[in-house]
Structures are given as structure tokens and as C-alpha cells.
Amino acid sequence: MNQRTRMTLCTPLMACSLAVGPVTAAWAAHAPARVPAAECFVEAKAGDEAKATVTGGGFVKAKGKVFLDQTDGGGGGTATVGDDGAFASGDVPAGKYVAFQQGGPRVNCVGGQVAQDVVNQKLILSEQTRGTNEGWAQGKRLAKSGACDAEPEPPTRNLHGLAPDAEGQKKAEEAYKNAYKDAFDKAIDFYCPK
């Protein structure tokens, strides 16, 4: 497999394996930012099971509003998209929703455990990518300074404002530490003289 083929195996949403080479790792760290996929969540309103709030992200501000269509009832509405592509509705009737923009993304909104699983997985992937980037940078810096016998010491983790459950936090922390150590060790091996 040539270097060009290797590069196509990585996407910005998953951590690229440094095993395919430092050129691929460097490419992955400097790849152009990809527009996030649209996502949508329905959260029950505390104290009123007949109401919910719909939130989401990955929508296009230039297209204006997001339309909310309740698929299991007659509810619906609109929400304004912010500069970051996110939106939040006011109170809407509890139920299942689809969020869409004219000529833009259309996505089924998820709630309950499915929504929690999405948040957990997003955090795990984010932490794995962060661990890879930070481990490689730290390993490279130490190797270039001559500290070729250095051991990886990941800094305190940063949960990026997401709200995972306890299992998601634990898996994200493990993903970060494992990615950090792997990237650190590979940077030391690459930059230290043999």
C-alpha cells in the first residue's frame, strides 16, 4: 500500500493510527476541518413530562432556521441556528422529532439512552484524537531535546464541556491515555537516533 492510499484511511472523526507512518500522522493533525455531521437530541423537561427541548448541531447558519417536525404527533416548530451551527428550541410537546433545513441536512432526533450513547462516543473519539495529538507533540519535543528514555505522562484530561455518564467518562479517559501513550512512544521511536 502506498502513502497516498494510507492517507485515505483516516477521517477527521477518528484518530489515525500512527503505525502507518509519521507522514500520515502529520497529515491527520493538519487536515482541513470537516463540517460536523448534523445531530439532534430530544431532552425531557424536568418536572413536566409533557414537554421537551430539542437541541442540535452541524446545521448551516446561512440557511437560517431549523424546522422541527414531530413524527409521533402534531407538534413542531423552528429554532434559529447560531454561528457555531447549533440550535436549541423552546419547550415543545414531548415526542419524537426530525430536524431539517431547506436544502440542508435532515436528521432524526434521539433521546434517552441512545442520546447518552452518542454523547459518550463523541467524547471518547474526541479524547482519543486529543491524546494522539498531545502524545505525539510531547514525545517529539522530548526526543528532540535528547530525552529518549522519557516516559509518557498525560496531562490532566479535559472533557470539552460534554456531559457523558460515568461509563462514558471512564472509556474516554482510557481512550485518551492509550492514544497518548501510543503516539508518545511512536514519536520517541521516530525522532530518537537508533
C-alpha atoms as a PDB file:
ATOM      1  CA  MET A   1       0.000   0.000   0.000  1.00  0.00           C
ATOM      2  CA  ASN A   2       1.483   3.363  -0.966  1.00  0.00           C
ATOM      3  CA  GLN A   3       1.465   6.543   1.161  1.00  0.00           C
ATOM      4  CA  ARG A   4      -1.399   8.051  -0.831  1.00  0.00           C
ATOM      5  CA  THR A   5      -3.592   5.017  -0.123  1.00  0.00           C
ATOM      6  CA  ARG A   6      -2.727   5.138   3.578  1.00  0.00           C
ATOM      7  CA  MET A   7      -3.889   8.728   3.854  1.00  0.00           C
ATOM      8  CA  THR A   8      -7.372   7.908   2.601  1.00  0.00           C
ATOM      9  CA  LEU A   9      -7.912   5.519   5.516  1.00  0.00           C
ATOM     10  CA  CYS A  10      -8.117   8.373   8.041  1.00  0.00           C
ATOM     11  CA  THR A  11     -11.029  10.674   8.682  1.00  0.00           C
ATOM     12  CA  PRO A  12     -11.150  13.712  10.971  1.00  0.00           C
ATOM     13  CA  LEU A  13     -13.685  11.931  13.201  1.00  0.00           C
ATOM     14  CA  MET A  14     -11.405   9.050  14.095  1.00  0.00           C
ATOM     15  CA  ALA A  15      -7.871   9.007  15.375  1.00  0.00           C
ATOM     16  CA  CYS A  16      -5.482   7.930  12.666  1.00  0.00           C
ATOM     17  CA  SER A  17      -3.121   5.129  13.534  1.00  0.00           C
ATOM     18  CA  LEU A  18       0.428   6.340  13.785  1.00  0.00           C
ATOM     19  CA  ALA A  19       1.535   2.843  12.826  1.00  0.00           C
ATOM     20  CA  VAL A  20       1.143   3.758   9.148  1.00  0.00           C
ATOM     21  CA  GLY A  21       3.804   6.383   9.477  1.00  0.00           C
ATOM     22  CA  PRO A  22       4.635   9.856  10.718  1.00  0.00           C
ATOM     23  CA  VAL A  23       3.723  11.473   7.402  1.00  0.00           C
ATOM     24  CA  THR A  24       0.174  10.186   7.786  1.00  0.00           C
ATOM     25  CA  ALA A  25       0.106  11.323  11.414  1.00  0.00           C
ATOM     26  CA  ALA A  26       1.329  14.786  10.457  1.00  0.00           C
ATOM     27  CA  TRP A  27      -1.269  14.924   7.687  1.00  0.00           C
ATOM     28  CA  ALA A  28      -4.038  13.912  10.093  1.00  0.00           C
ATOM     29  CA  ALA A  29      -3.018  16.569  12.606  1.00  0.00           C
ATOM     30  CA  HIS A  30      -3.140  19.275   9.930  1.00  0.00           C
ATOM     31  CA  ALA A  31      -6.072  18.039   7.851  1.00  0.00           C
ATOM     32  CA  PRO A  32      -8.645  20.694   6.981  1.00  0.00           C
ATOM     33  CA  ALA A  33     -11.530  20.886   9.423  1.00  0.00           C
ATOM     34  CA  ARG A  34     -14.574  18.981   8.253  1.00  0.00           C
ATOM     35  CA  VAL A  35     -18.056  20.334   8.773  1.00  0.00           C
ATOM     36  CA  PRO A  36     -19.554  18.223  11.568  1.00  0.00           C
ATOM     37  CA  ALA A  37     -22.443  15.947  10.722  1.00  0.00           C
ATOM     38  CA  ALA A  38     -25.828  17.230  11.807  1.00  0.00           C
ATOM     39  CA  GLU A  39     -27.093  15.842  15.085  1.00  0.00           C
ATOM     40  CA  CYS A  40     -30.217  16.359  17.140  1.00  0.00           C
ATOM     41  CA  PHE A  41     -31.285  15.474  20.693  1.00  0.00           C
ATOM     42  CA  VAL A  42     -34.632  15.499  22.491  1.00  0.00           C
ATOM     43  CA  GLU A  43     -34.454  16.038  26.250  1.00  0.00           C
ATOM     44  CA  ALA A  44     -37.457  15.780  28.540  1.00  0.00           C
ATOM     45  CA  LYS A  45     -38.177  18.933  30.528  1.00  0.00           C
ATOM     46  CA  ALA A  46     -37.553  18.435  34.226  1.00  0.00           C
ATOM     47  CA  GLY A  47     -40.814  18.480  36.160  1.00  0.00           C
ATOM     48  CA  ASP A  48     -43.079  18.349  33.081  1.00  0.00           C
ATOM     49  CA  GLU A  49     -43.100  15.070  31.169  1.00  0.00           C
ATOM     50  CA  ALA A  50     -45.418  16.540  28.509  1.00  0.00           C
ATOM     51  CA  LYS A  51     -42.711  19.000  27.385  1.00  0.00           C
ATOM     52  CA  ALA A  52     -39.255  18.620  25.885  1.00  0.00           C
ATOM     53  CA  THR A  53     -36.389  20.660  24.476  1.00  0.00           C
ATOM     54  CA  VAL A  54     -34.800  19.859  21.120  1.00  0.00           C
ATOM     55  CA  THR A  55     -31.140  20.779  20.572  1.00  0.00           C
ATOM     56  CA  GLY A  56     -28.669  20.041  17.821  1.00  0.00           C
ATOM     57  CA  GLY A  57     -25.603  21.000  15.869  1.00  0.00           C
ATOM     58  CA  GLY A  58     -23.947  20.713  12.477  1.00  0.00           C
ATOM     59  CA  PHE A  59     -26.519  22.896  10.718  1.00  0.00           C
ATOM     60  CA  VAL A  60     -25.787  25.808   8.372  1.00  0.00           C
ATOM     61  CA  LYS A  61     -26.275  29.308   9.789  1.00  0.00           C
ATOM     62  CA  ALA A  62     -26.607  30.773   6.288  1.00  0.00           C
ATOM     63  CA  LYS A  63     -29.706  28.648   5.716  1.00  0.00           C
ATOM     64  CA  GLY A  64     -31.363  30.331   8.710  1.00  0.00           C
ATOM     65  CA  LYS A  65     -33.739  28.300  10.786  1.00  0.00           C
ATOM     66  CA  VAL A  66     -34.019  24.621  11.603  1.00  0.00           C
ATOM     67  CA  PHE A  67     -37.500  23.161  11.236  1.00  0.00           C
ATOM     68  CA  LEU A  68     -38.667  20.665  13.849  1.00  0.00           C
ATOM     69  CA  ASP A  69     -41.313  18.146  12.865  1.00  0.00           C
ATOM     70  CA  GLN A  70     -42.827  15.865  15.496  1.00  0.00           C
ATOM     71  CA  THR A  71     -43.114  12.411  13.917  1.00  0.00           C
ATOM     72  CA  ASP A  72     -45.401  10.912  16.575  1.00  0.00           C
ATOM     73  CA  GLY A  73     -47.808  13.838  16.965  1.00  0.00           C
ATOM     74  CA  GLY A  74     -48.812  17.222  15.664  1.00  0.00           C
ATOM     75  CA  GLY A  75     -46.083  19.272  17.343  1.00  0.00           C
ATOM     76  CA  GLY A  76     -43.293  21.124  15.664  1.00  0.00           C
ATOM     77  CA  GLY A  77     -41.600  24.452  15.439  1.00  0.00           C
ATOM     78  CA  THR A  78     -38.473  26.242  14.371  1.00  0.00           C
ATOM     79  CA  ALA A  79     -35.207  27.224  16.004  1.00  0.00           C
ATOM     80  CA  THR A  80     -32.535  29.724  14.997  1.00  0.00           C
ATOM     81  CA  VAL A  81     -29.106  28.393  14.035  1.00  0.00           C
ATOM     82  CA  GLY A  82     -26.183  30.087  15.763  1.00  0.00           C
ATOM     83  CA  ASP A  83     -22.778  30.944  14.294  1.00  0.00           C
ATOM     84  CA  ASP A  84     -21.488  27.564  15.510  1.00  0.00           C
ATOM     85  CA  GLY A  85     -24.224  25.625  13.660  1.00  0.00           C
ATOM     86  CA  ALA A  86     -26.066  24.761  16.874  1.00  0.00           C
ATOM     87  CA  PHE A  87     -29.686  25.395  17.836  1.00  0.00           C
ATOM     88  CA  ALA A  88     -31.973  24.961  20.836  1.00  0.00           C
ATOM     89  CA  SER A  89     -35.751  25.031  20.812  1.00  0.00           C
ATOM     90  CA  GLY A  90     -38.009  26.411  23.445  1.00  0.00           C
ATOM     91  CA  ASP A  91     -40.448  23.990  25.089  1.00  0.00           C
ATOM     92  CA  VAL A  92     -42.105  21.673  22.560  1.00  0.00           C
ATOM     93  CA  PRO A  93     -44.500  18.757  23.104  1.00  0.00           C
ATOM     94  CA  ALA A  94     -42.639  15.622  24.237  1.00  0.00           C
ATOM     95  CA  GLY A  95     -42.163  13.097  21.441  1.00  0.00           C
ATOM     96  CA  LYS A  96     -40.019  12.064  18.510  1.00  0.00           C
ATOM     97  CA  TYR A  97     -38.677  14.740  16.163  1.00  0.00           C
ATOM     98  CA  VAL A  98     -36.898  15.278  12.873  1.00  0.00           C
ATOM     99  CA  ALA A  99     -34.796  18.433  12.448  1.00  0.00           C
ATOM    100  CA  PHE A 100     -34.100  19.769   8.959  1.00  0.00           C
ATOM    101  CA  GLN A 101     -33.206  22.800   6.873  1.00  0.00           C
ATOM    102  CA  GLN A 102     -34.487  23.647   3.408  1.00  0.00           C
ATOM    103  CA  GLY A 103     -31.818  22.291   1.058  1.00  0.00           C
ATOM    104  CA  GLY A 104     -29.719  21.206   4.027  1.00  0.00           C
ATOM    105  CA  PRO A 105     -29.315  18.380   6.475  1.00  0.00           C
ATOM    106  CA  ARG A 106     -32.208  16.275   7.778  1.00  0.00           C
ATOM    107  CA  VAL A 107     -31.682  14.202  10.902  1.00  0.00           C
ATOM    108  CA  ASN A 108     -33.774  12.134  13.305  1.00  0.00           C
ATOM    109  CA  CYS A 109     -33.520  13.468  16.840  1.00  0.00           C
ATOM    110  CA  VAL A 110     -32.556  10.953  19.512  1.00  0.00           C
ATOM    111  CA  GLY A 111     -33.265  10.886  23.203  1.00  0.00           C
ATOM    112  CA  GLY A 112     -32.802   8.713  26.271  1.00  0.00           C
ATOM    113  CA  GLN A 113     -30.026   6.112  26.272  1.00  0.00           C
ATOM    114  CA  VAL A 114     -29.440   6.491  22.526  1.00  0.00           C
ATOM    115  CA  ALA A 115     -28.627  10.182  23.058  1.00  0.00           C
ATOM    116  CA  GLN A 116     -26.370   9.320  26.008  1.00  0.00           C
ATOM    117  CA  ASP A 117     -24.534   6.751  23.880  1.00  0.00           C
ATOM    118  CA  VAL A 118     -23.975   9.365  21.132  1.00  0.00           C
ATOM    119  CA  VAL A 119     -22.578  11.872  23.667  1.00  0.00           C
ATOM    120  CA  ASN A 120     -20.338   9.185  25.195  1.00  0.00           C
ATOM    121  CA  GLN A 121     -18.976   8.059  21.805  1.00  0.00           C
ATOM    122  CA  LYS A 122     -18.350  11.641  20.723  1.00  0.00           C
ATOM    123  CA  LEU A 123     -16.339  12.247  23.888  1.00  0.00           C
ATOM    124  CA  ILE A 124     -14.373   9.008  23.504  1.00  0.00           C
ATOM    125  CA  LEU A 125     -13.382   9.876  19.923  1.00  0.00           C
ATOM    126  CA  SER A 126     -12.546  13.456  20.905  1.00  0.00           C
ATOM    127  CA  GLU A 127     -10.324  12.302  23.769  1.00  0.00           C
ATOM    128  CA  GLN A 128      -8.648   9.659  21.603  1.00  0.00           C
ATOM    129  CA  THR A 129      -7.812  12.278  18.970  1.00  0.00           C
ATOM    130  CA  ARG A 130      -6.616  14.721  21.624  1.00  0.00           C
ATOM    131  CA  GLY A 131      -4.450  12.013  23.225  1.00  0.00           C
ATOM    132  CA  THR A 132      -2.865  11.151  19.881  1.00  0.00           C
ATOM    133  CA  ASN A 133      -2.083  14.795  19.069  1.00  0.00           C
ATOM    134  CA  GLU A 134      -0.771  15.679  22.521  1.00  0.00           C
ATOM    135  CA  GLY A 135       1.209  12.444  22.943  1.00  0.00           C
ATOM    136  CA  TRP A 136       2.919  12.891  19.578  1.00  0.00           C
ATOM    137  CA  ALA A 137       3.764  16.542  20.296  1.00  0.00           C
ATOM    138  CA  GLN A 138       5.166  15.782  23.760  1.00  0.00           C
ATOM    139  CA  GLY A 139       7.140  12.751  22.536  1.00  0.00           C
ATOM    140  CA  LYS A 140       8.595  14.738  19.630  1.00  0.00           C
ATOM    141  CA  ARG A 141       9.562  17.645  21.900  1.00  0.00           C
ATOM    142  CA  LEU A 142      11.285  15.381  24.436  1.00  0.00           C
ATOM    143  CA  ALA A 143      13.012  13.284  21.760  1.00  0.00           C
ATOM    144  CA  LYS A 144      14.391  16.385  20.035  1.00  0.00           C
ATOM    145  CA  SER A 145      15.709  17.627  23.386  1.00  0.00           C
ATOM    146  CA  GLY A 146      17.572  14.334  23.843  1.00  0.00           C
ATOM    147  CA  ALA A 147      15.267  12.773  26.463  1.00  0.00           C
ATOM    148  CA  CYS A 148      14.937   9.483  24.590  1.00  0.00           C
ATOM    149  CA  ASP A 149      14.293   7.476  27.760  1.00  0.00           C
ATOM    150  CA  ALA A 150      11.324   9.648  28.778  1.00  0.00           C
ATOM    151  CA  GLU A 151       8.080   8.009  29.841  1.00  0.00           C
ATOM    152  CA  PRO A 152       4.658   9.302  28.743  1.00  0.00           C
ATOM    153  CA  GLU A 153       2.892  11.452  31.331  1.00  0.00           C
ATOM    154  CA  PRO A 154      -0.505  12.544  30.011  1.00  0.00           C
ATOM    155  CA  PRO A 155      -1.693  15.872  31.434  1.00  0.00           C
ATOM    156  CA  THR A 156      -4.991  16.176  33.257  1.00  0.00           C
ATOM    157  CA  ARG A 157      -7.850  15.364  30.925  1.00  0.00           C
ATOM    158  CA  ASN A 158     -10.266  17.970  29.625  1.00  0.00           C
ATOM    159  CA  LEU A 159     -13.840  16.843  28.961  1.00  0.00           C
ATOM    160  CA  HIS A 160     -14.533  19.689  26.495  1.00  0.00           C
ATOM    161  CA  GLY A 161     -17.842  20.599  28.145  1.00  0.00           C
ATOM    162  CA  LEU A 162     -19.686  17.409  27.169  1.00  0.00           C
ATOM    163  CA  ALA A 163     -21.807  15.592  29.729  1.00  0.00           C
ATOM    164  CA  PRO A 164     -21.028  11.872  29.498  1.00  0.00           C
ATOM    165  CA  ASP A 165     -22.231   9.339  32.051  1.00  0.00           C
ATOM    166  CA  ALA A 166     -19.750   7.563  34.371  1.00  0.00           C
ATOM    167  CA  GLU A 167     -19.095   4.724  31.903  1.00  0.00           C
ATOM    168  CA  GLY A 168     -18.532   7.184  29.061  1.00  0.00           C
ATOM    169  CA  GLN A 169     -16.100   9.204  31.183  1.00  0.00           C
ATOM    170  CA  LYS A 170     -14.124   6.092  32.085  1.00  0.00           C
ATOM    171  CA  LYS A 171     -13.907   4.910  28.463  1.00  0.00           C
ATOM    172  CA  ALA A 172     -12.936   8.403  27.279  1.00  0.00           C
ATOM    173  CA  GLU A 173     -10.180   8.604  29.882  1.00  0.00           C
ATOM    174  CA  GLU A 174      -8.860   5.172  28.830  1.00  0.00           C
ATOM    175  CA  ALA A 175      -9.027   6.137  25.131  1.00  0.00           C
ATOM    176  CA  TYR A 176      -7.084   9.343  25.830  1.00  0.00           C
ATOM    177  CA  LYS A 177      -4.381   7.627  27.889  1.00  0.00           C
ATOM    178  CA  ASN A 178      -3.929   4.771  25.406  1.00  0.00           C
ATOM    179  CA  ALA A 179      -3.781   7.122  22.393  1.00  0.00           C
ATOM    180  CA  TYR A 180      -1.399   9.468  24.225  1.00  0.00           C
ATOM    181  CA  LYS A 181       0.976   6.635  25.190  1.00  0.00           C
ATOM    182  CA  ASP A 182       0.939   5.085  21.700  1.00  0.00           C
ATOM    183  CA  ALA A 183       1.612   8.420  19.983  1.00  0.00           C
ATOM    184  CA  PHE A 184       4.258   9.405  22.551  1.00  0.00           C
ATOM    185  CA  ASP A 185       6.130   6.105  22.120  1.00  0.00           C
ATOM    186  CA  LYS A 186       5.987   6.354  18.321  1.00  0.00           C
ATOM    187  CA  ALA A 187       7.324   9.931  18.383  1.00  0.00           C
ATOM    188  CA  ILE A 188      10.203   8.890  20.648  1.00  0.00           C
ATOM    189  CA  ASP A 189      10.998   5.952  18.333  1.00  0.00           C
ATOM    190  CA  PHE A 190      10.856   8.171  15.239  1.00  0.00           C
ATOM    191  CA  TYR A 191      12.883  11.145  16.478  1.00  0.00           C
ATOM    192  CA  CYS A 192      15.471   9.401  18.656  1.00  0.00           C
ATOM    193  CA  PRO A 193      18.610   8.127  16.919  1.00  0.00           C
ATOM    194  CA  LYS A 194      18.775   4.368  16.585  1.00  0.00           C
END
